[in-house]
Amino acid sequence: MQCRQFAAIYFSLRSTERSQFHWQGKGVKADYQAIRKVMQAVKGRFAGKRIGYPKIGAGLAGGDWEIIGSIIDDELAGEDHTLVEYAP
């Protein structure tokens, strides 16, 4: 069940909008407006469920996590959502 839910969220992220144009080179490639649209779609589809996500757009895309985190908090307001960080 949990894998299916995470797969559905991943599908939503990949199929709704691209959160970055490409990952190569220097500079910010994260598209903050696309991240906002994706999180709106995630809320619409998964309202009332637990939502977990990585630091989307803040890795290879070079986005500012403070900005991205604020977007996610705004768009997922009222939902049970959690940042999931990898710990090696």
N, C-alpha and C. Protein backbone atom coordinates (compact mmCIF):
# COMPACT_ATOMS: atom_id res chain seq x y z
N MET A 1 0.82 -1.20 0.00
CA MET A 1 0.00 0.00 0.00
C MET A 1 0.86 1.26 0.00
N GLN A 2 1.86 1.32 0.88
CA GLN A 2 2.70 2.50 0.93
C GLN A 2 3.48 2.68 -0.37
N CYS A 3 4.01 1.61 -0.94
CA CYS A 3 4.75 1.71 -2.19
C CYS A 3 3.84 2.23 -3.30
N ARG A 4 2.61 1.77 -3.33
CA ARG A 4 1.67 2.21 -4.35
C ARG A 4 1.40 3.71 -4.20
N GLN A 5 1.26 4.17 -2.97
CA GLN A 5 1.00 5.58 -2.74
C GLN A 5 2.20 6.42 -3.17
N PHE A 6 3.41 6.01 -2.80
CA PHE A 6 4.59 6.75 -3.20
C PHE A 6 4.76 6.72 -4.71
N ALA A 7 4.46 5.59 -5.34
CA ALA A 7 4.54 5.50 -6.79
C ALA A 7 3.56 6.47 -7.43
N ALA A 8 2.39 6.60 -6.86
CA ALA A 8 1.39 7.52 -7.41
C ALA A 8 1.86 8.96 -7.28
N ILE A 9 2.49 9.30 -6.16
CA ILE A 9 3.02 10.65 -5.99
C ILE A 9 4.13 10.90 -7.00
N TYR A 10 5.02 9.93 -7.16
CA TYR A 10 6.10 10.07 -8.14
C TYR A 10 5.51 10.27 -9.52
N PHE A 11 4.49 9.49 -9.86
CA PHE A 11 3.83 9.63 -11.15
C PHE A 11 3.27 11.04 -11.30
N SER A 12 2.65 11.55 -10.26
CA SER A 12 2.10 12.90 -10.32
C SER A 12 3.19 13.92 -10.56
N LEU A 13 4.31 13.77 -9.88
CA LEU A 13 5.41 14.71 -10.06
C LEU A 13 5.96 14.66 -11.47
N ARG A 14 6.08 13.47 -12.03
CA ARG A 14 6.67 13.31 -13.36
C ARG A 14 5.70 13.69 -14.47
N SER A 15 4.42 13.41 -14.29
CA SER A 15 3.49 13.60 -15.40
C SER A 15 2.82 14.97 -15.41
N THR A 16 2.77 15.64 -14.29
CA THR A 16 2.06 16.92 -14.22
C THR A 16 2.91 18.06 -14.76
N GLU A 17 4.09 18.18 -14.30
CA GLU A 17 4.99 19.26 -14.67
C GLU A 17 6.42 18.77 -14.54
N ARG A 18 7.29 19.41 -15.24
CA ARG A 18 8.72 19.16 -15.02
C ARG A 18 9.20 20.22 -14.05
N SER A 19 9.86 19.78 -12.98
CA SER A 19 10.29 20.73 -11.97
C SER A 19 11.65 21.35 -12.30
N GLN A 20 12.26 20.87 -13.37
CA GLN A 20 13.51 21.46 -13.84
C GLN A 20 13.61 21.23 -15.33
N PHE A 21 14.37 22.08 -16.01
CA PHE A 21 14.52 21.98 -17.44
C PHE A 21 15.54 20.91 -17.81
N HIS A 22 16.63 20.86 -17.10
CA HIS A 22 17.67 19.85 -17.24
C HIS A 22 18.54 19.97 -15.99
N TRP A 23 19.51 19.08 -15.81
CA TRP A 23 20.29 19.11 -14.58
C TRP A 23 21.77 19.44 -14.81
N GLN A 24 22.18 19.59 -16.03
CA GLN A 24 23.60 19.81 -16.31
C GLN A 24 23.97 21.28 -16.25
N GLY A 25 25.23 21.54 -15.92
CA GLY A 25 25.73 22.90 -15.89
C GLY A 25 25.55 23.57 -14.54
N LYS A 26 25.93 24.83 -14.49
CA LYS A 26 25.84 25.59 -13.25
C LYS A 26 24.59 26.45 -13.22
N GLY A 27 24.26 26.90 -12.03
CA GLY A 27 23.11 27.78 -11.87
C GLY A 27 21.85 27.02 -11.50
N VAL A 28 20.82 27.78 -11.23
CA VAL A 28 19.54 27.21 -10.80
C VAL A 28 18.75 26.74 -12.02
N LYS A 29 18.37 25.49 -11.99
CA LYS A 29 17.56 24.91 -13.06
C LYS A 29 16.16 24.55 -12.56
N ALA A 30 15.95 24.69 -11.27
CA ALA A 30 14.63 24.39 -10.70
C ALA A 30 13.64 25.43 -11.20
N ASP A 31 12.46 24.96 -11.53
CA ASP A 31 11.38 25.83 -11.97
C ASP A 31 10.39 25.93 -10.81
N TYR A 32 10.47 27.01 -10.06
CA TYR A 32 9.67 27.15 -8.85
C TYR A 32 8.17 27.14 -9.15
N GLN A 33 7.77 27.72 -10.26
CA GLN A 33 6.35 27.73 -10.63
C GLN A 33 5.86 26.31 -10.92
N ALA A 34 6.71 25.50 -11.57
CA ALA A 34 6.34 24.11 -11.85
C ALA A 34 6.23 23.32 -10.55
N ILE A 35 7.14 23.58 -9.61
CA ILE A 35 7.07 22.90 -8.31
C ILE A 35 5.76 23.27 -7.61
N ARG A 36 5.38 24.52 -7.70
CA ARG A 36 4.11 24.96 -7.10
C ARG A 36 2.93 24.21 -7.74
N LYS A 37 2.92 24.11 -9.06
CA LYS A 37 1.83 23.42 -9.76
C LYS A 37 1.78 21.94 -9.40
N VAL A 38 2.95 21.33 -9.29
CA VAL A 38 3.01 19.91 -8.92
C VAL A 38 2.43 19.71 -7.52
N MET A 39 2.81 20.56 -6.58
CA MET A 39 2.31 20.41 -5.22
C MET A 39 0.81 20.68 -5.14
N GLN A 40 0.29 21.56 -5.97
CA GLN A 40 -1.15 21.76 -6.04
C GLN A 40 -1.83 20.48 -6.53
N ALA A 41 -1.23 19.84 -7.54
CA ALA A 41 -1.79 18.59 -8.07
C ALA A 41 -1.70 17.47 -7.04
N VAL A 42 -0.59 17.41 -6.31
CA VAL A 42 -0.42 16.39 -5.28
C VAL A 42 -1.50 16.57 -4.21
N LYS A 43 -1.72 17.82 -3.78
CA LYS A 43 -2.74 18.08 -2.77
C LYS A 43 -4.12 17.69 -3.29
N GLY A 44 -4.40 18.02 -4.53
CA GLY A 44 -5.69 17.68 -5.10
C GLY A 44 -5.94 16.19 -5.17
N ARG A 45 -4.89 15.45 -5.48
CA ARG A 45 -5.05 14.00 -5.64
C ARG A 45 -4.93 13.23 -4.33
N PHE A 46 -4.12 13.73 -3.39
CA PHE A 46 -3.84 12.97 -2.17
C PHE A 46 -4.30 13.68 -0.89
N ALA A 47 -5.25 14.56 -1.00
CA ALA A 47 -5.77 15.26 0.19
C ALA A 47 -6.23 14.25 1.23
N GLY A 48 -5.85 14.49 2.47
CA GLY A 48 -6.25 13.62 3.57
C GLY A 48 -5.33 12.43 3.78
N LYS A 49 -4.32 12.27 2.93
CA LYS A 49 -3.36 11.17 3.09
C LYS A 49 -2.01 11.72 3.53
N ARG A 50 -1.17 10.85 4.02
CA ARG A 50 0.19 11.26 4.39
C ARG A 50 1.00 11.44 3.11
N ILE A 51 1.70 12.55 3.01
CA ILE A 51 2.48 12.86 1.82
C ILE A 51 3.94 13.03 2.23
N GLY A 52 4.82 12.28 1.60
CA GLY A 52 6.25 12.40 1.85
C GLY A 52 6.95 12.80 0.56
N TYR A 53 8.03 13.55 0.68
CA TYR A 53 8.74 14.02 -0.51
C TYR A 53 10.20 14.29 -0.15
N PRO A 54 11.09 14.16 -1.15
CA PRO A 54 12.49 14.52 -0.94
C PRO A 54 12.67 16.02 -1.16
N LYS A 55 13.89 16.49 -1.09
CA LYS A 55 14.18 17.89 -1.38
C LYS A 55 14.15 18.11 -2.89
N ILE A 56 12.97 17.96 -3.45
CA ILE A 56 12.77 18.08 -4.89
C ILE A 56 13.24 19.45 -5.38
N GLY A 57 14.06 19.44 -6.41
CA GLY A 57 14.53 20.68 -7.01
C GLY A 57 15.72 21.31 -6.33
N ALA A 58 16.16 20.76 -5.20
CA ALA A 58 17.26 21.37 -4.45
C ALA A 58 18.58 20.63 -4.63
N GLY A 59 18.58 19.55 -5.38
CA GLY A 59 19.80 18.78 -5.59
C GLY A 59 20.49 19.22 -6.87
N LEU A 60 20.44 18.37 -7.88
CA LEU A 60 21.07 18.68 -9.16
C LEU A 60 20.48 19.92 -9.82
N ALA A 61 19.23 20.22 -9.54
CA ALA A 61 18.58 21.40 -10.14
C ALA A 61 19.04 22.70 -9.50
N GLY A 62 19.73 22.62 -8.35
CA GLY A 62 20.32 23.80 -7.73
C GLY A 62 19.35 24.78 -7.12
N GLY A 63 18.11 24.37 -6.89
CA GLY A 63 17.12 25.27 -6.31
C GLY A 63 17.40 25.57 -4.85
N ASP A 64 16.89 26.66 -4.38
CA ASP A 64 17.04 27.10 -2.99
C ASP A 64 15.98 26.40 -2.15
N TRP A 65 16.40 25.52 -1.21
CA TRP A 65 15.44 24.76 -0.43
C TRP A 65 14.55 25.66 0.42
N GLU A 66 15.02 26.80 0.85
CA GLU A 66 14.19 27.73 1.63
C GLU A 66 12.99 28.16 0.79
N ILE A 67 13.21 28.45 -0.47
CA ILE A 67 12.13 28.86 -1.37
C ILE A 67 11.21 27.67 -1.65
N ILE A 68 11.82 26.54 -2.00
CA ILE A 68 11.04 25.34 -2.34
C ILE A 68 10.23 24.86 -1.14
N GLY A 69 10.86 24.81 0.03
CA GLY A 69 10.16 24.39 1.24
C GLY A 69 8.97 25.28 1.55
N SER A 70 9.14 26.58 1.33
CA SER A 70 8.05 27.53 1.56
C SER A 70 6.91 27.29 0.57
N ILE A 71 7.24 27.02 -0.68
CA ILE A 71 6.22 26.71 -1.69
C ILE A 71 5.44 25.47 -1.27
N ILE A 72 6.18 24.43 -0.87
CA ILE A 72 5.52 23.18 -0.46
C ILE A 72 4.63 23.41 0.75
N ASP A 73 5.13 24.13 1.75
CA ASP A 73 4.31 24.43 2.93
C ASP A 73 3.04 25.19 2.55
N ASP A 74 3.17 26.15 1.65
CA ASP A 74 2.00 26.92 1.21
C ASP A 74 0.99 26.03 0.50
N GLU A 75 1.47 25.23 -0.43
CA GLU A 75 0.57 24.43 -1.27
C GLU A 75 -0.01 23.22 -0.55
N LEU A 76 0.71 22.69 0.43
CA LEU A 76 0.22 21.53 1.17
C LEU A 76 -0.33 21.91 2.55
N ALA A 77 -0.64 23.17 2.73
CA ALA A 77 -1.20 23.64 4.01
C ALA A 77 -2.43 22.82 4.37
N GLY A 78 -2.47 22.38 5.62
CA GLY A 78 -3.60 21.60 6.11
C GLY A 78 -3.47 20.11 5.86
N GLU A 79 -2.42 19.69 5.15
CA GLU A 79 -2.20 18.28 4.88
C GLU A 79 -1.09 17.74 5.78
N ASP A 80 -1.07 16.43 5.97
CA ASP A 80 -0.03 15.75 6.74
C ASP A 80 1.11 15.46 5.78
N HIS A 81 2.11 16.35 5.74
CA HIS A 81 3.22 16.17 4.80
C HIS A 81 4.56 16.24 5.52
N THR A 82 5.52 15.47 4.98
CA THR A 82 6.81 15.31 5.64
C THR A 82 7.94 15.30 4.64
N LEU A 83 9.00 16.04 4.94
CA LEU A 83 10.23 15.96 4.18
C LEU A 83 10.93 14.67 4.54
N VAL A 84 11.29 13.88 3.55
CA VAL A 84 11.98 12.61 3.77
C VAL A 84 13.41 12.79 3.29
N GLU A 85 14.36 12.70 4.25
CA GLU A 85 15.77 12.87 3.90
C GLU A 85 16.50 11.54 3.99
N TYR A 86 17.36 11.30 3.03
CA TYR A 86 18.15 10.08 2.98
C TYR A 86 19.30 10.19 4.00
N ALA A 87 19.45 9.17 4.81
CA ALA A 87 20.54 9.10 5.77
C ALA A 87 21.37 7.87 5.46
N PRO A 88 22.56 8.05 4.89
CA PRO A 88 23.38 6.89 4.51
C PRO A 88 23.83 6.07 5.71
